[in-house]
Amino acid sequence: VLFVAETAAALCLSGAYRAAGDRMWQWLTLLFALLPCALVQLSLVFIHRDVSRDRPLVLLLHLLQLGPIVRCVEVFYIYFRAGRVEEPYVSITKKRQMPKDGYSEEIEKEVGQAEGKLCTHRSAFSRASVIQAFLGSAPQLTLQLYICVLQQEITAARSIFMVLSLLSIVYGALRCNILAIKIKYDDYDISVKPAAYLCIFMWRSFEIATRVTVLVLFSSVLQIWILPVVLVNFFGFFFYPWILFWQSKSPFPENIEKALSRVGTTIVLCLLTFLYAGINMFCWSAVQVKLNDPDLINKSQNWYRLTVYYMLRFIENAFLLLMWYIYKTDVYLYVCAPLLVLQLLISYCMAVLFMLVFYQFCHPCKKLFSSSISEGLLSCFKFLCFICKPPTSTILTDKAEVKCPENTDEARSSSKTIDSQKGISHQSVSSNA
């Protein structure tokens, strides 16, 4: 629904820009709508391996950018037919339950062909929603909000489109969180409660809305300087997994897909890190890419990386808002700038608060954590305070050496007299004996 609604709204809005004579806004709106749509089709074709199967009609519909629709129809067809015909064979999966009182039982479950196909479709749609959210909806929302600021007008079509884009981004971030949980704890039977969904939704809504608003405000007053900010963020996150991979000196991953050559594997890994950088541009990526891992995902829970990310992002947002406040133009004449800055910073703090609540109370696998989020953050702050603390012991010794550099001769003479007195006392004791 989000995919179809957002694509239709983008086409209508681009037509409105064309009628108004805004050619640049028209082509940018179309670009941010069609580029992620094409990537979604590629991901669906890749996951379902349609190229190696004889399905020309499905490939044609993917070329016509109708892949998600035909996949949705196929899902409903499989779902309503499931159970009517007895399946020739089933597969058995083993999952472990969440530990209770220190014990976790292993349960077996029969999975039929229909359920397996539905799981494949669900996984494909989850990955497609992440691609649609951060490579299409996030740039689209930033663009439309920027146009609203420049034109000082929010039309009904543009407001509906921005709401749809924000919902798409939040939904993609939510699916990213659930995917990270299921990949990291694949051996366990995981059930996500409604409170967890609510916490993730509020966390991602505050975080993404604040980030997009900060980028738009900064770019509206310093159009040239927004480019280095975006490039440093994007390429920093893009090359970070590759730098870790080169430092580990691991062999090149060959087990992604047997049908892919080395060049094809490199392209897939570049697209994966491209998506990873796009996610981290706007919010914290719950899935951490690790190229030397067979699953390409880092399954360890790293509280230090999470803390450093949010601290640096908060500092960056505050700096960009400060630059906007200093160089703001007459466009913001009727805007209370200090109040707006305070609201945005509080919104980002609210996002961090909901994130802490999720990891501390609502995470479905919190019993498997080696340390809770509160303990992890406390150790992070202790480590940062230890780094920032000056070496007091060396300072005290230096001060002591500075205070008495000239009295060394007196100290030596006094030590000699003490030694002589000790010798006399020893002699007197021996004579008495």
Protein backbone atom coordinates (compact mmCIF):
# COMPACT_ATOMS: atom_id res chain seq x y z
CA VAL A 1 0.00 0.00 0.00
CA LEU A 2 2.80 2.40 0.90
CA PHE A 3 4.70 1.56 -2.29
CA VAL A 4 1.70 2.17 -4.57
CA ALA A 5 0.49 5.27 -2.71
CA GLU A 6 3.91 6.90 -2.65
CA THR A 7 4.61 6.18 -6.32
CA ALA A 8 1.21 7.55 -7.37
CA ALA A 9 1.67 10.66 -5.21
CA ALA A 10 5.13 11.24 -6.71
CA LEU A 11 3.77 11.03 -10.27
CA CYS A 12 0.91 13.44 -9.47
CA LEU A 13 3.23 15.91 -7.76
CA SER A 14 5.75 15.81 -10.61
CA GLY A 15 2.87 16.57 -13.00
CA ALA A 16 1.94 19.55 -10.85
CA TYR A 17 5.54 20.81 -10.94
CA ARG A 18 5.53 20.45 -14.71
CA ALA A 19 2.32 22.46 -14.99
CA ALA A 20 3.82 25.17 -12.79
CA GLY A 21 7.00 25.30 -14.90
CA ASP A 22 9.32 23.96 -12.17
CA ARG A 23 11.32 21.57 -14.34
CA MET A 24 14.09 20.96 -11.80
CA TRP A 25 11.68 19.94 -9.03
CA GLN A 26 9.81 17.75 -11.50
CA TRP A 27 12.88 15.75 -12.55
CA LEU A 28 14.22 15.42 -9.00
CA THR A 29 10.84 14.13 -7.79
CA LEU A 30 10.75 11.59 -10.62
CA LEU A 31 14.35 10.53 -9.96
CA PHE A 32 13.78 9.87 -6.26
CA ALA A 33 10.61 7.93 -7.14
CA LEU A 34 11.88 5.73 -10.00
CA LEU A 35 15.43 4.93 -8.81
CA PRO A 36 14.38 3.08 -5.62
CA CYS A 37 11.53 1.48 -7.55
CA ALA A 38 14.05 -0.07 -9.96
CA LEU A 39 16.24 -1.24 -7.04
CA VAL A 40 13.19 -2.83 -5.41
CA GLN A 41 12.51 -4.82 -8.59
CA LEU A 42 16.15 -5.99 -8.67
CA SER A 43 16.05 -7.11 -5.05
CA LEU A 44 12.82 -9.05 -5.55
CA VAL A 45 14.19 -10.74 -8.69
CA PHE A 46 17.47 -11.56 -6.92
CA ILE A 47 15.88 -13.05 -3.79
CA HIS A 48 13.38 -15.18 -5.75
CA ARG A 49 16.02 -16.19 -8.36
CA ASP A 50 13.65 -15.38 -11.23
CA VAL A 51 16.47 -15.09 -13.76
CA SER A 52 17.33 -18.79 -13.49
CA ARG A 53 13.66 -19.85 -13.63
CA ASP A 54 11.33 -19.95 -16.61
CA ARG A 55 9.00 -17.10 -15.63
CA PRO A 56 8.96 -14.60 -18.49
CA LEU A 57 5.68 -12.95 -17.43
CA VAL A 58 6.99 -12.17 -13.95
CA LEU A 59 10.20 -10.73 -15.42
CA LEU A 60 8.17 -8.58 -17.81
CA LEU A 61 6.08 -7.20 -14.95
CA HIS A 62 9.26 -6.42 -13.04
CA LEU A 63 10.57 -4.51 -16.05
CA LEU A 64 7.29 -2.56 -16.07
CA GLN A 65 7.94 -1.69 -12.38
CA LEU A 66 4.97 -3.78 -11.26
CA GLY A 67 6.95 -6.40 -9.35
CA PRO A 68 5.61 -5.65 -5.83
CA ILE A 69 2.02 -5.80 -7.08
CA VAL A 70 2.37 -9.19 -8.76
CA ARG A 71 4.25 -10.49 -5.73
CA CYS A 72 1.42 -9.34 -3.46
CA VAL A 73 -1.14 -11.11 -5.68
CA GLU A 74 0.99 -14.26 -5.61
CA VAL A 75 1.22 -14.13 -1.81
CA PHE A 76 -2.58 -13.95 -1.43
CA TYR A 77 -2.99 -16.79 -3.93
CA ILE A 78 -0.61 -19.04 -1.97
CA TYR A 79 -2.19 -18.05 1.35
CA PHE A 80 -5.80 -18.86 0.38
CA ARG A 81 -4.80 -22.14 -1.27
CA ALA A 82 -2.75 -23.33 1.71
CA GLY A 83 -4.28 -26.30 3.48
CA ARG A 84 -6.66 -27.31 0.70
CA VAL A 85 -4.27 -29.78 -0.93
CA GLU A 86 -2.12 -32.15 1.08
CA GLU A 87 1.54 -31.35 0.50
CA PRO A 88 3.82 -34.22 -0.58
CA TYR A 89 6.53 -33.41 1.94
CA VAL A 90 7.30 -30.97 4.73
CA SER A 91 10.51 -29.74 6.28
CA ILE A 92 11.23 -29.72 10.01
CA THR A 93 12.79 -26.70 11.68
CA LYS A 94 14.19 -26.57 15.19
CA LYS A 95 13.90 -23.41 17.25
CA ARG A 96 14.75 -22.69 20.85
CA GLN A 97 12.40 -20.88 23.15
CA MET A 98 13.39 -17.84 25.15
CA PRO A 99 15.11 -19.00 28.36
CA LYS A 100 12.88 -19.19 31.44
CA ASP A 101 14.59 -19.55 34.82
CA GLY A 102 17.86 -20.22 33.02
CA TYR A 103 16.49 -23.03 30.81
CA SER A 104 15.47 -22.94 27.15
CA GLU A 105 13.64 -25.78 25.43
CA GLU A 106 14.11 -26.76 21.81
CA ILE A 107 10.90 -27.21 19.83
CA GLU A 108 10.37 -28.78 16.42
CA LYS A 109 7.98 -27.36 13.87
CA GLU A 110 6.79 -28.69 10.53
CA VAL A 111 6.99 -26.18 7.69
CA GLY A 112 5.14 -26.93 4.48
CA GLN A 113 5.90 -25.70 1.00
CA ALA A 114 3.26 -22.97 1.16
CA GLU A 115 4.55 -21.62 4.46
CA GLY A 116 8.11 -21.69 3.16
CA LYS A 117 7.12 -19.68 0.09
CA LEU A 118 5.29 -17.16 2.27
CA CYS A 119 8.38 -16.79 4.48
CA THR A 120 10.49 -16.13 1.39
CA HIS A 121 8.03 -13.48 0.18
CA ARG A 122 7.92 -11.85 3.59
CA SER A 123 11.72 -11.69 3.75
CA ALA A 124 11.86 -10.21 0.25
CA PHE A 125 9.23 -7.58 1.07
CA SER A 126 11.08 -6.64 4.27
CA ARG A 127 14.30 -5.97 2.36
CA ALA A 128 12.43 -4.16 -0.40
CA SER A 129 10.73 -1.88 2.15
CA VAL A 130 14.15 -0.92 3.60
CA ILE A 131 15.44 -0.07 0.10
CA GLN A 132 12.31 1.93 -0.71
CA ALA A 133 12.50 3.81 2.59
CA PHE A 134 16.12 4.98 2.66
CA LEU A 135 17.02 5.25 -1.02
CA GLY A 136 13.73 6.80 -2.11
CA SER A 137 11.44 8.08 0.62
CA ALA A 138 14.14 9.73 2.75
CA PRO A 139 15.63 11.83 -0.12
CA GLN A 140 12.10 12.53 -1.33
CA LEU A 141 10.95 13.83 2.05
CA THR A 142 14.06 16.03 2.33
CA LEU A 143 13.47 17.44 -1.15
CA GLN A 144 9.78 18.23 -0.62
CA LEU A 145 10.39 19.88 2.75
CA TYR A 146 13.16 21.96 1.18
CA ILE A 147 10.77 23.10 -1.55
CA CYS A 148 8.19 24.06 1.10
CA VAL A 149 10.77 26.19 2.91
CA LEU A 150 11.91 27.94 -0.28
CA GLN A 151 8.41 28.62 -1.57
CA GLN A 152 7.03 29.33 1.93
CA GLU A 153 3.96 27.30 1.08
CA ILE A 154 2.68 23.83 1.99
CA THR A 155 0.13 22.57 -0.51
CA ALA A 156 -2.27 19.71 0.20
CA ALA A 157 -0.66 17.37 -2.35
CA ARG A 158 2.82 18.06 -1.01
CA SER A 159 1.75 17.56 2.62
CA ILE A 160 0.09 14.21 1.80
CA PHE A 161 3.19 13.14 -0.08
CA MET A 162 5.47 14.08 2.83
CA VAL A 163 3.30 12.17 5.30
CA LEU A 164 3.43 9.08 3.07
CA SER A 165 7.20 9.40 2.73
CA LEU A 166 7.66 9.73 6.49
CA LEU A 167 5.48 6.67 7.11
CA SER A 168 7.49 4.74 4.51
CA ILE A 169 10.79 5.67 6.17
CA VAL A 170 9.56 4.77 9.66
CA TYR A 171 8.15 1.47 8.40
CA GLY A 172 11.43 0.67 6.65
CA ALA A 173 13.39 1.46 9.82
CA LEU A 174 11.01 -0.72 11.83
CA ARG A 175 11.48 -3.62 9.40
CA CYS A 176 15.24 -3.06 9.63
CA ASN A 177 15.08 -3.47 13.42
CA ILE A 178 13.01 -6.66 13.19
CA LEU A 179 15.33 -8.06 10.50
CA ALA A 180 18.35 -7.38 12.72
CA ILE A 181 16.72 -9.21 15.63
CA LYS A 182 15.76 -12.24 13.52
CA ILE A 183 19.20 -12.48 11.90
CA LYS A 184 21.13 -12.16 15.16
CA TYR A 185 18.93 -14.61 17.06
CA ASP A 186 18.04 -17.01 14.26
CA ASP A 187 18.14 -20.06 16.57
CA TYR A 188 15.32 -18.76 18.78
CA ASP A 189 11.57 -18.56 18.34
CA ILE A 190 11.01 -14.80 18.51
CA SER A 191 7.70 -13.07 19.12
CA VAL A 192 7.64 -9.25 19.04
CA LYS A 193 5.04 -7.69 21.32
CA PRO A 194 2.92 -4.63 20.40
CA ALA A 195 4.75 -2.52 23.00
CA ALA A 196 8.01 -3.18 21.16
CA TYR A 197 6.48 -2.09 17.85
CA LEU A 198 5.17 1.07 19.49
CA CYS A 199 8.57 1.92 21.01
CA ILE A 200 10.35 1.37 17.68
CA PHE A 201 7.74 3.47 15.85
CA MET A 202 8.10 6.41 18.26
CA TRP A 203 11.90 6.10 18.37
CA ARG A 204 12.26 6.13 14.58
CA SER A 205 9.63 8.83 14.04
CA PHE A 206 11.34 11.33 16.34
CA GLU A 207 14.81 10.47 15.07
CA ILE A 208 14.06 10.65 11.34
CA ALA A 209 11.81 13.72 11.51
CA THR A 210 14.45 15.61 13.50
CA ARG A 211 17.27 14.60 11.19
CA VAL A 212 15.42 15.59 8.01
CA THR A 213 14.35 18.94 9.48
CA VAL A 214 17.90 19.76 10.59
CA LEU A 215 19.32 18.97 7.12
CA VAL A 216 16.64 21.07 5.41
CA LEU A 217 17.15 24.07 7.71
CA PHE A 218 20.91 24.00 7.25
CA SER A 219 20.70 23.59 3.47
CA SER A 220 18.22 26.47 3.15
CA VAL A 221 20.77 29.00 4.44
CA LEU A 222 24.08 27.36 3.43
CA GLN A 223 23.36 25.60 0.14
CA ILE A 224 27.01 24.95 -0.76
CA TRP A 225 28.10 23.61 2.64
CA ILE A 226 25.38 20.97 2.76
CA LEU A 227 27.24 19.07 0.04
CA PRO A 228 30.41 18.32 2.10
CA VAL A 229 28.23 17.43 5.11
CA VAL A 230 26.28 14.86 3.09
CA LEU A 231 29.36 13.48 1.30
CA VAL A 232 31.39 13.06 4.50
CA ASN A 233 28.48 11.26 6.18
CA PHE A 234 27.70 9.04 3.21
CA PHE A 235 31.22 8.02 2.19
CA GLY A 236 32.29 7.61 5.82
CA PHE A 237 29.61 4.98 6.40
CA PHE A 238 30.12 3.50 2.92
CA PHE A 239 33.84 2.80 3.36
CA TYR A 240 33.68 1.86 7.06
CA PRO A 241 32.73 -1.85 6.45
CA TRP A 242 35.35 -2.10 3.71
CA ILE A 243 38.06 -0.67 5.98
CA LEU A 244 37.20 -3.22 8.68
CA PHE A 245 37.23 -5.96 6.04
CA TRP A 246 40.69 -4.96 4.77
CA GLN A 247 42.04 -4.73 8.33
CA SER A 248 40.81 -8.25 9.13
CA LYS A 249 42.72 -9.63 6.09
CA SER A 250 39.93 -12.13 5.45
CA PRO A 251 39.46 -13.83 2.07
CA PHE A 252 36.98 -12.36 -0.36
CA PRO A 253 33.45 -13.65 0.37
CA GLU A 254 32.42 -16.22 -2.22
CA ASN A 255 29.34 -17.79 -0.61
CA ILE A 256 26.77 -15.07 -1.26
CA GLU A 257 25.32 -16.69 -4.36
CA LYS A 258 26.77 -19.61 -6.30
CA ALA A 259 25.55 -18.29 -9.63
CA LEU A 260 27.38 -14.97 -9.16
CA SER A 261 30.88 -14.35 -10.43
CA ARG A 262 33.49 -12.35 -8.53
CA VAL A 263 32.39 -9.16 -10.28
CA GLY A 264 28.73 -9.86 -9.48
CA THR A 265 29.59 -10.50 -5.83
CA THR A 266 31.49 -7.21 -5.67
CA ILE A 267 28.49 -5.35 -7.14
CA VAL A 268 26.14 -6.94 -4.59
CA LEU A 269 28.47 -6.02 -1.71
CA CYS A 270 28.78 -2.44 -3.00
CA LEU A 271 24.98 -2.16 -3.20
CA LEU A 272 24.73 -3.53 0.35
CA THR A 273 27.20 -0.98 1.74
CA PHE A 274 25.46 1.72 -0.34
CA LEU A 275 22.18 0.90 1.40
CA TYR A 276 23.98 0.75 4.75
CA ALA A 277 25.36 4.26 4.21
CA GLY A 278 21.94 5.54 3.14
CA ILE A 279 20.35 4.23 6.33
CA ASN A 280 23.01 5.71 8.62
CA MET A 281 22.64 9.09 6.93
CA PHE A 282 19.21 9.47 8.54
CA CYS A 283 19.11 7.10 11.52
CA TRP A 284 20.96 4.39 13.38
CA SER A 285 21.29 1.20 11.37
CA ALA A 286 20.21 -1.70 13.55
CA VAL A 287 21.91 -4.08 11.09
CA GLN A 288 25.69 -3.70 11.18
CA VAL A 289 27.42 -4.86 8.00
CA LYS A 290 30.39 -7.21 8.47
CA LEU A 291 31.85 -8.33 5.14
CA ASN A 292 34.08 -11.06 6.57
CA ASP A 293 31.10 -12.83 8.17
CA PRO A 294 29.26 -15.54 6.16
CA ASP A 295 25.91 -13.81 6.87
CA LEU A 296 27.43 -10.35 6.15
CA ILE A 297 25.95 -9.18 9.46
CA ASN A 298 27.67 -8.42 12.75
CA LYS A 299 25.73 -10.46 15.32
CA SER A 300 27.37 -9.04 18.44
CA GLN A 301 25.58 -6.38 20.47
CA ASN A 302 27.99 -3.42 20.56
CA TRP A 303 26.77 -0.78 22.99
CA TYR A 304 29.93 1.32 22.48
CA ARG A 305 29.24 1.84 18.78
CA LEU A 306 25.61 2.73 19.52
CA THR A 307 26.63 5.28 22.17
CA VAL A 308 29.31 6.88 19.99
CA TYR A 309 26.89 7.13 17.05
CA TYR A 310 24.19 8.95 19.00
CA MET A 311 26.64 11.24 20.77
CA LEU A 312 28.28 12.29 17.50
CA ARG A 313 24.92 12.64 15.74
CA PHE A 314 23.59 14.86 18.53
CA ILE A 315 26.69 17.06 18.35
CA GLU A 316 26.39 17.26 14.55
CA ASN A 317 22.70 18.19 14.70
CA ALA A 318 23.39 20.84 17.34
CA PHE A 319 26.24 22.30 15.24
CA LEU A 320 24.09 22.43 12.08
CA LEU A 321 21.29 24.13 14.01
CA LEU A 322 23.77 26.65 15.41
CA MET A 323 24.99 27.47 11.90
CA TRP A 324 21.38 27.86 10.75
CA TYR A 325 20.65 30.18 13.69
CA ILE A 326 23.67 32.36 12.88
CA TYR A 327 23.09 32.60 9.12
CA LYS A 328 19.29 32.44 8.96
CA THR A 329 17.70 34.65 6.28
CA ASP A 330 14.52 36.71 6.11
CA VAL A 331 12.58 33.57 5.20
CA TYR A 332 12.50 32.73 8.91
CA LEU A 333 11.46 36.23 9.97
CA TYR A 334 8.25 35.01 11.60
CA VAL A 335 9.80 31.87 13.15
CA CYS A 336 10.92 31.81 16.77
CA ALA A 337 14.39 30.42 16.09
CA PRO A 338 15.46 29.61 19.70
CA LEU A 339 12.21 27.77 20.34
CA LEU A 340 12.58 25.77 17.10
CA VAL A 341 16.16 24.78 17.98
CA LEU A 342 15.05 23.70 21.45
CA GLN A 343 12.15 21.67 20.05
CA LEU A 344 14.40 19.82 17.60
CA LEU A 345 17.00 18.98 20.25
CA ILE A 346 14.28 17.78 22.63
CA SER A 347 12.79 15.66 19.82
CA TYR A 348 16.13 13.96 19.27
CA CYS A 349 16.44 13.33 23.00
CA MET A 350 12.94 11.81 22.92
CA ALA A 351 14.10 9.45 20.18
CA VAL A 352 17.04 8.36 22.35
CA LEU A 353 14.67 7.91 25.31
CA PHE A 354 12.34 5.60 23.36
CA MET A 355 15.37 3.67 22.11
CA LEU A 356 16.57 3.12 25.69
CA VAL A 357 13.08 1.99 26.74
CA PHE A 358 12.99 -0.49 23.86
CA TYR A 359 16.36 -2.07 24.60
CA GLN A 360 15.84 -2.08 28.36
CA PHE A 361 12.25 -3.32 28.63
CA CYS A 362 10.65 -4.22 25.25
CA HIS A 363 13.36 -6.05 23.30
CA PRO A 364 12.12 -9.62 22.60
CA CYS A 365 15.59 -11.08 23.26
CA LYS A 366 16.68 -8.96 26.22
CA LYS A 367 17.19 -12.15 28.29
CA LEU A 368 20.00 -13.15 25.93
CA PHE A 369 21.97 -9.93 26.41
CA SER A 370 25.27 -10.37 28.17
CA SER A 371 24.73 -6.89 29.62
CA SER A 372 21.74 -4.59 29.66
CA ILE A 373 21.62 -1.25 27.89
CA SER A 374 21.96 0.62 31.21
CA GLU A 375 25.10 -1.33 32.15
CA GLY A 376 26.53 -0.87 28.67
CA LEU A 377 25.94 2.89 28.68
CA LEU A 378 27.37 3.18 32.19
CA SER A 379 30.56 1.39 31.13
CA CYS A 380 30.75 3.61 28.02
CA PHE A 381 30.52 6.77 30.11
CA LYS A 382 33.14 5.45 32.54
CA PHE A 383 35.45 4.70 29.64
CA LEU A 384 34.93 8.20 28.16
CA CYS A 385 35.53 9.83 31.55
CA PHE A 386 38.71 7.79 31.97
CA ILE A 387 39.95 9.00 28.58
CA CYS A 388 39.13 12.65 29.34
CA LYS A 389 40.58 12.53 32.87
CA PRO A 390 44.09 14.09 33.11
CA PRO A 391 46.93 11.90 34.47
CA THR A 392 47.05 13.32 38.04
CA SER A 393 49.85 11.06 39.29
CA THR A 394 52.42 12.40 36.83
CA ILE A 395 51.35 15.96 37.57
CA LEU A 396 51.91 15.46 41.33
CA THR A 397 55.36 13.96 40.83
CA ASP A 398 56.33 16.77 38.49
CA LYS A 399 55.16 19.33 41.05
CA ALA A 400 57.20 17.60 43.76
CA GLU A 401 60.32 17.65 41.61
CA VAL A 402 59.77 21.32 40.75
CA LYS A 403 59.37 22.36 44.40
CA CYS A 404 62.79 21.09 45.63
CA PRO A 405 65.32 20.97 42.79
CA GLU A 406 67.85 23.16 44.68
CA ASN A 407 67.83 21.32 48.01
CA THR A 408 69.33 18.09 46.77
CA ASP A 409 72.71 18.71 48.52
CA GLU A 410 70.98 19.42 51.83
CA ALA A 411 68.94 16.26 51.44
CA ARG A 412 72.08 14.20 50.77
CA SER A 413 73.88 15.66 53.81
CA SER A 414 70.88 15.02 56.04
CA SER A 415 70.64 11.43 54.81
CA LYS A 416 74.37 10.98 55.63
CA THR A 417 73.90 12.28 59.21
CA ILE A 418 70.92 9.94 59.68
CA ASP A 419 73.00 6.98 58.47
CA SER A 420 75.89 7.91 60.81
CA GLN A 421 73.50 8.21 63.75
CA LYS A 422 72.12 4.76 62.90
CA GLY A 423 75.67 3.34 62.84
CA ILE A 424 76.51 4.85 66.28
CA SER A 425 73.32 3.46 67.77
CA HIS A 426 74.11 -0.02 66.39
CA GLN A 427 77.65 0.09 67.86
CA SER A 428 76.32 1.13 71.31
CA VAL A 429 73.81 -1.70 71.26
CA SER A 430 76.49 -4.26 70.36
CA SER A 431 78.84 -3.00 73.14
CA ASN A 432 76.07 -3.24 75.70
CA ALA A 433 75.40 -6.76 74.57
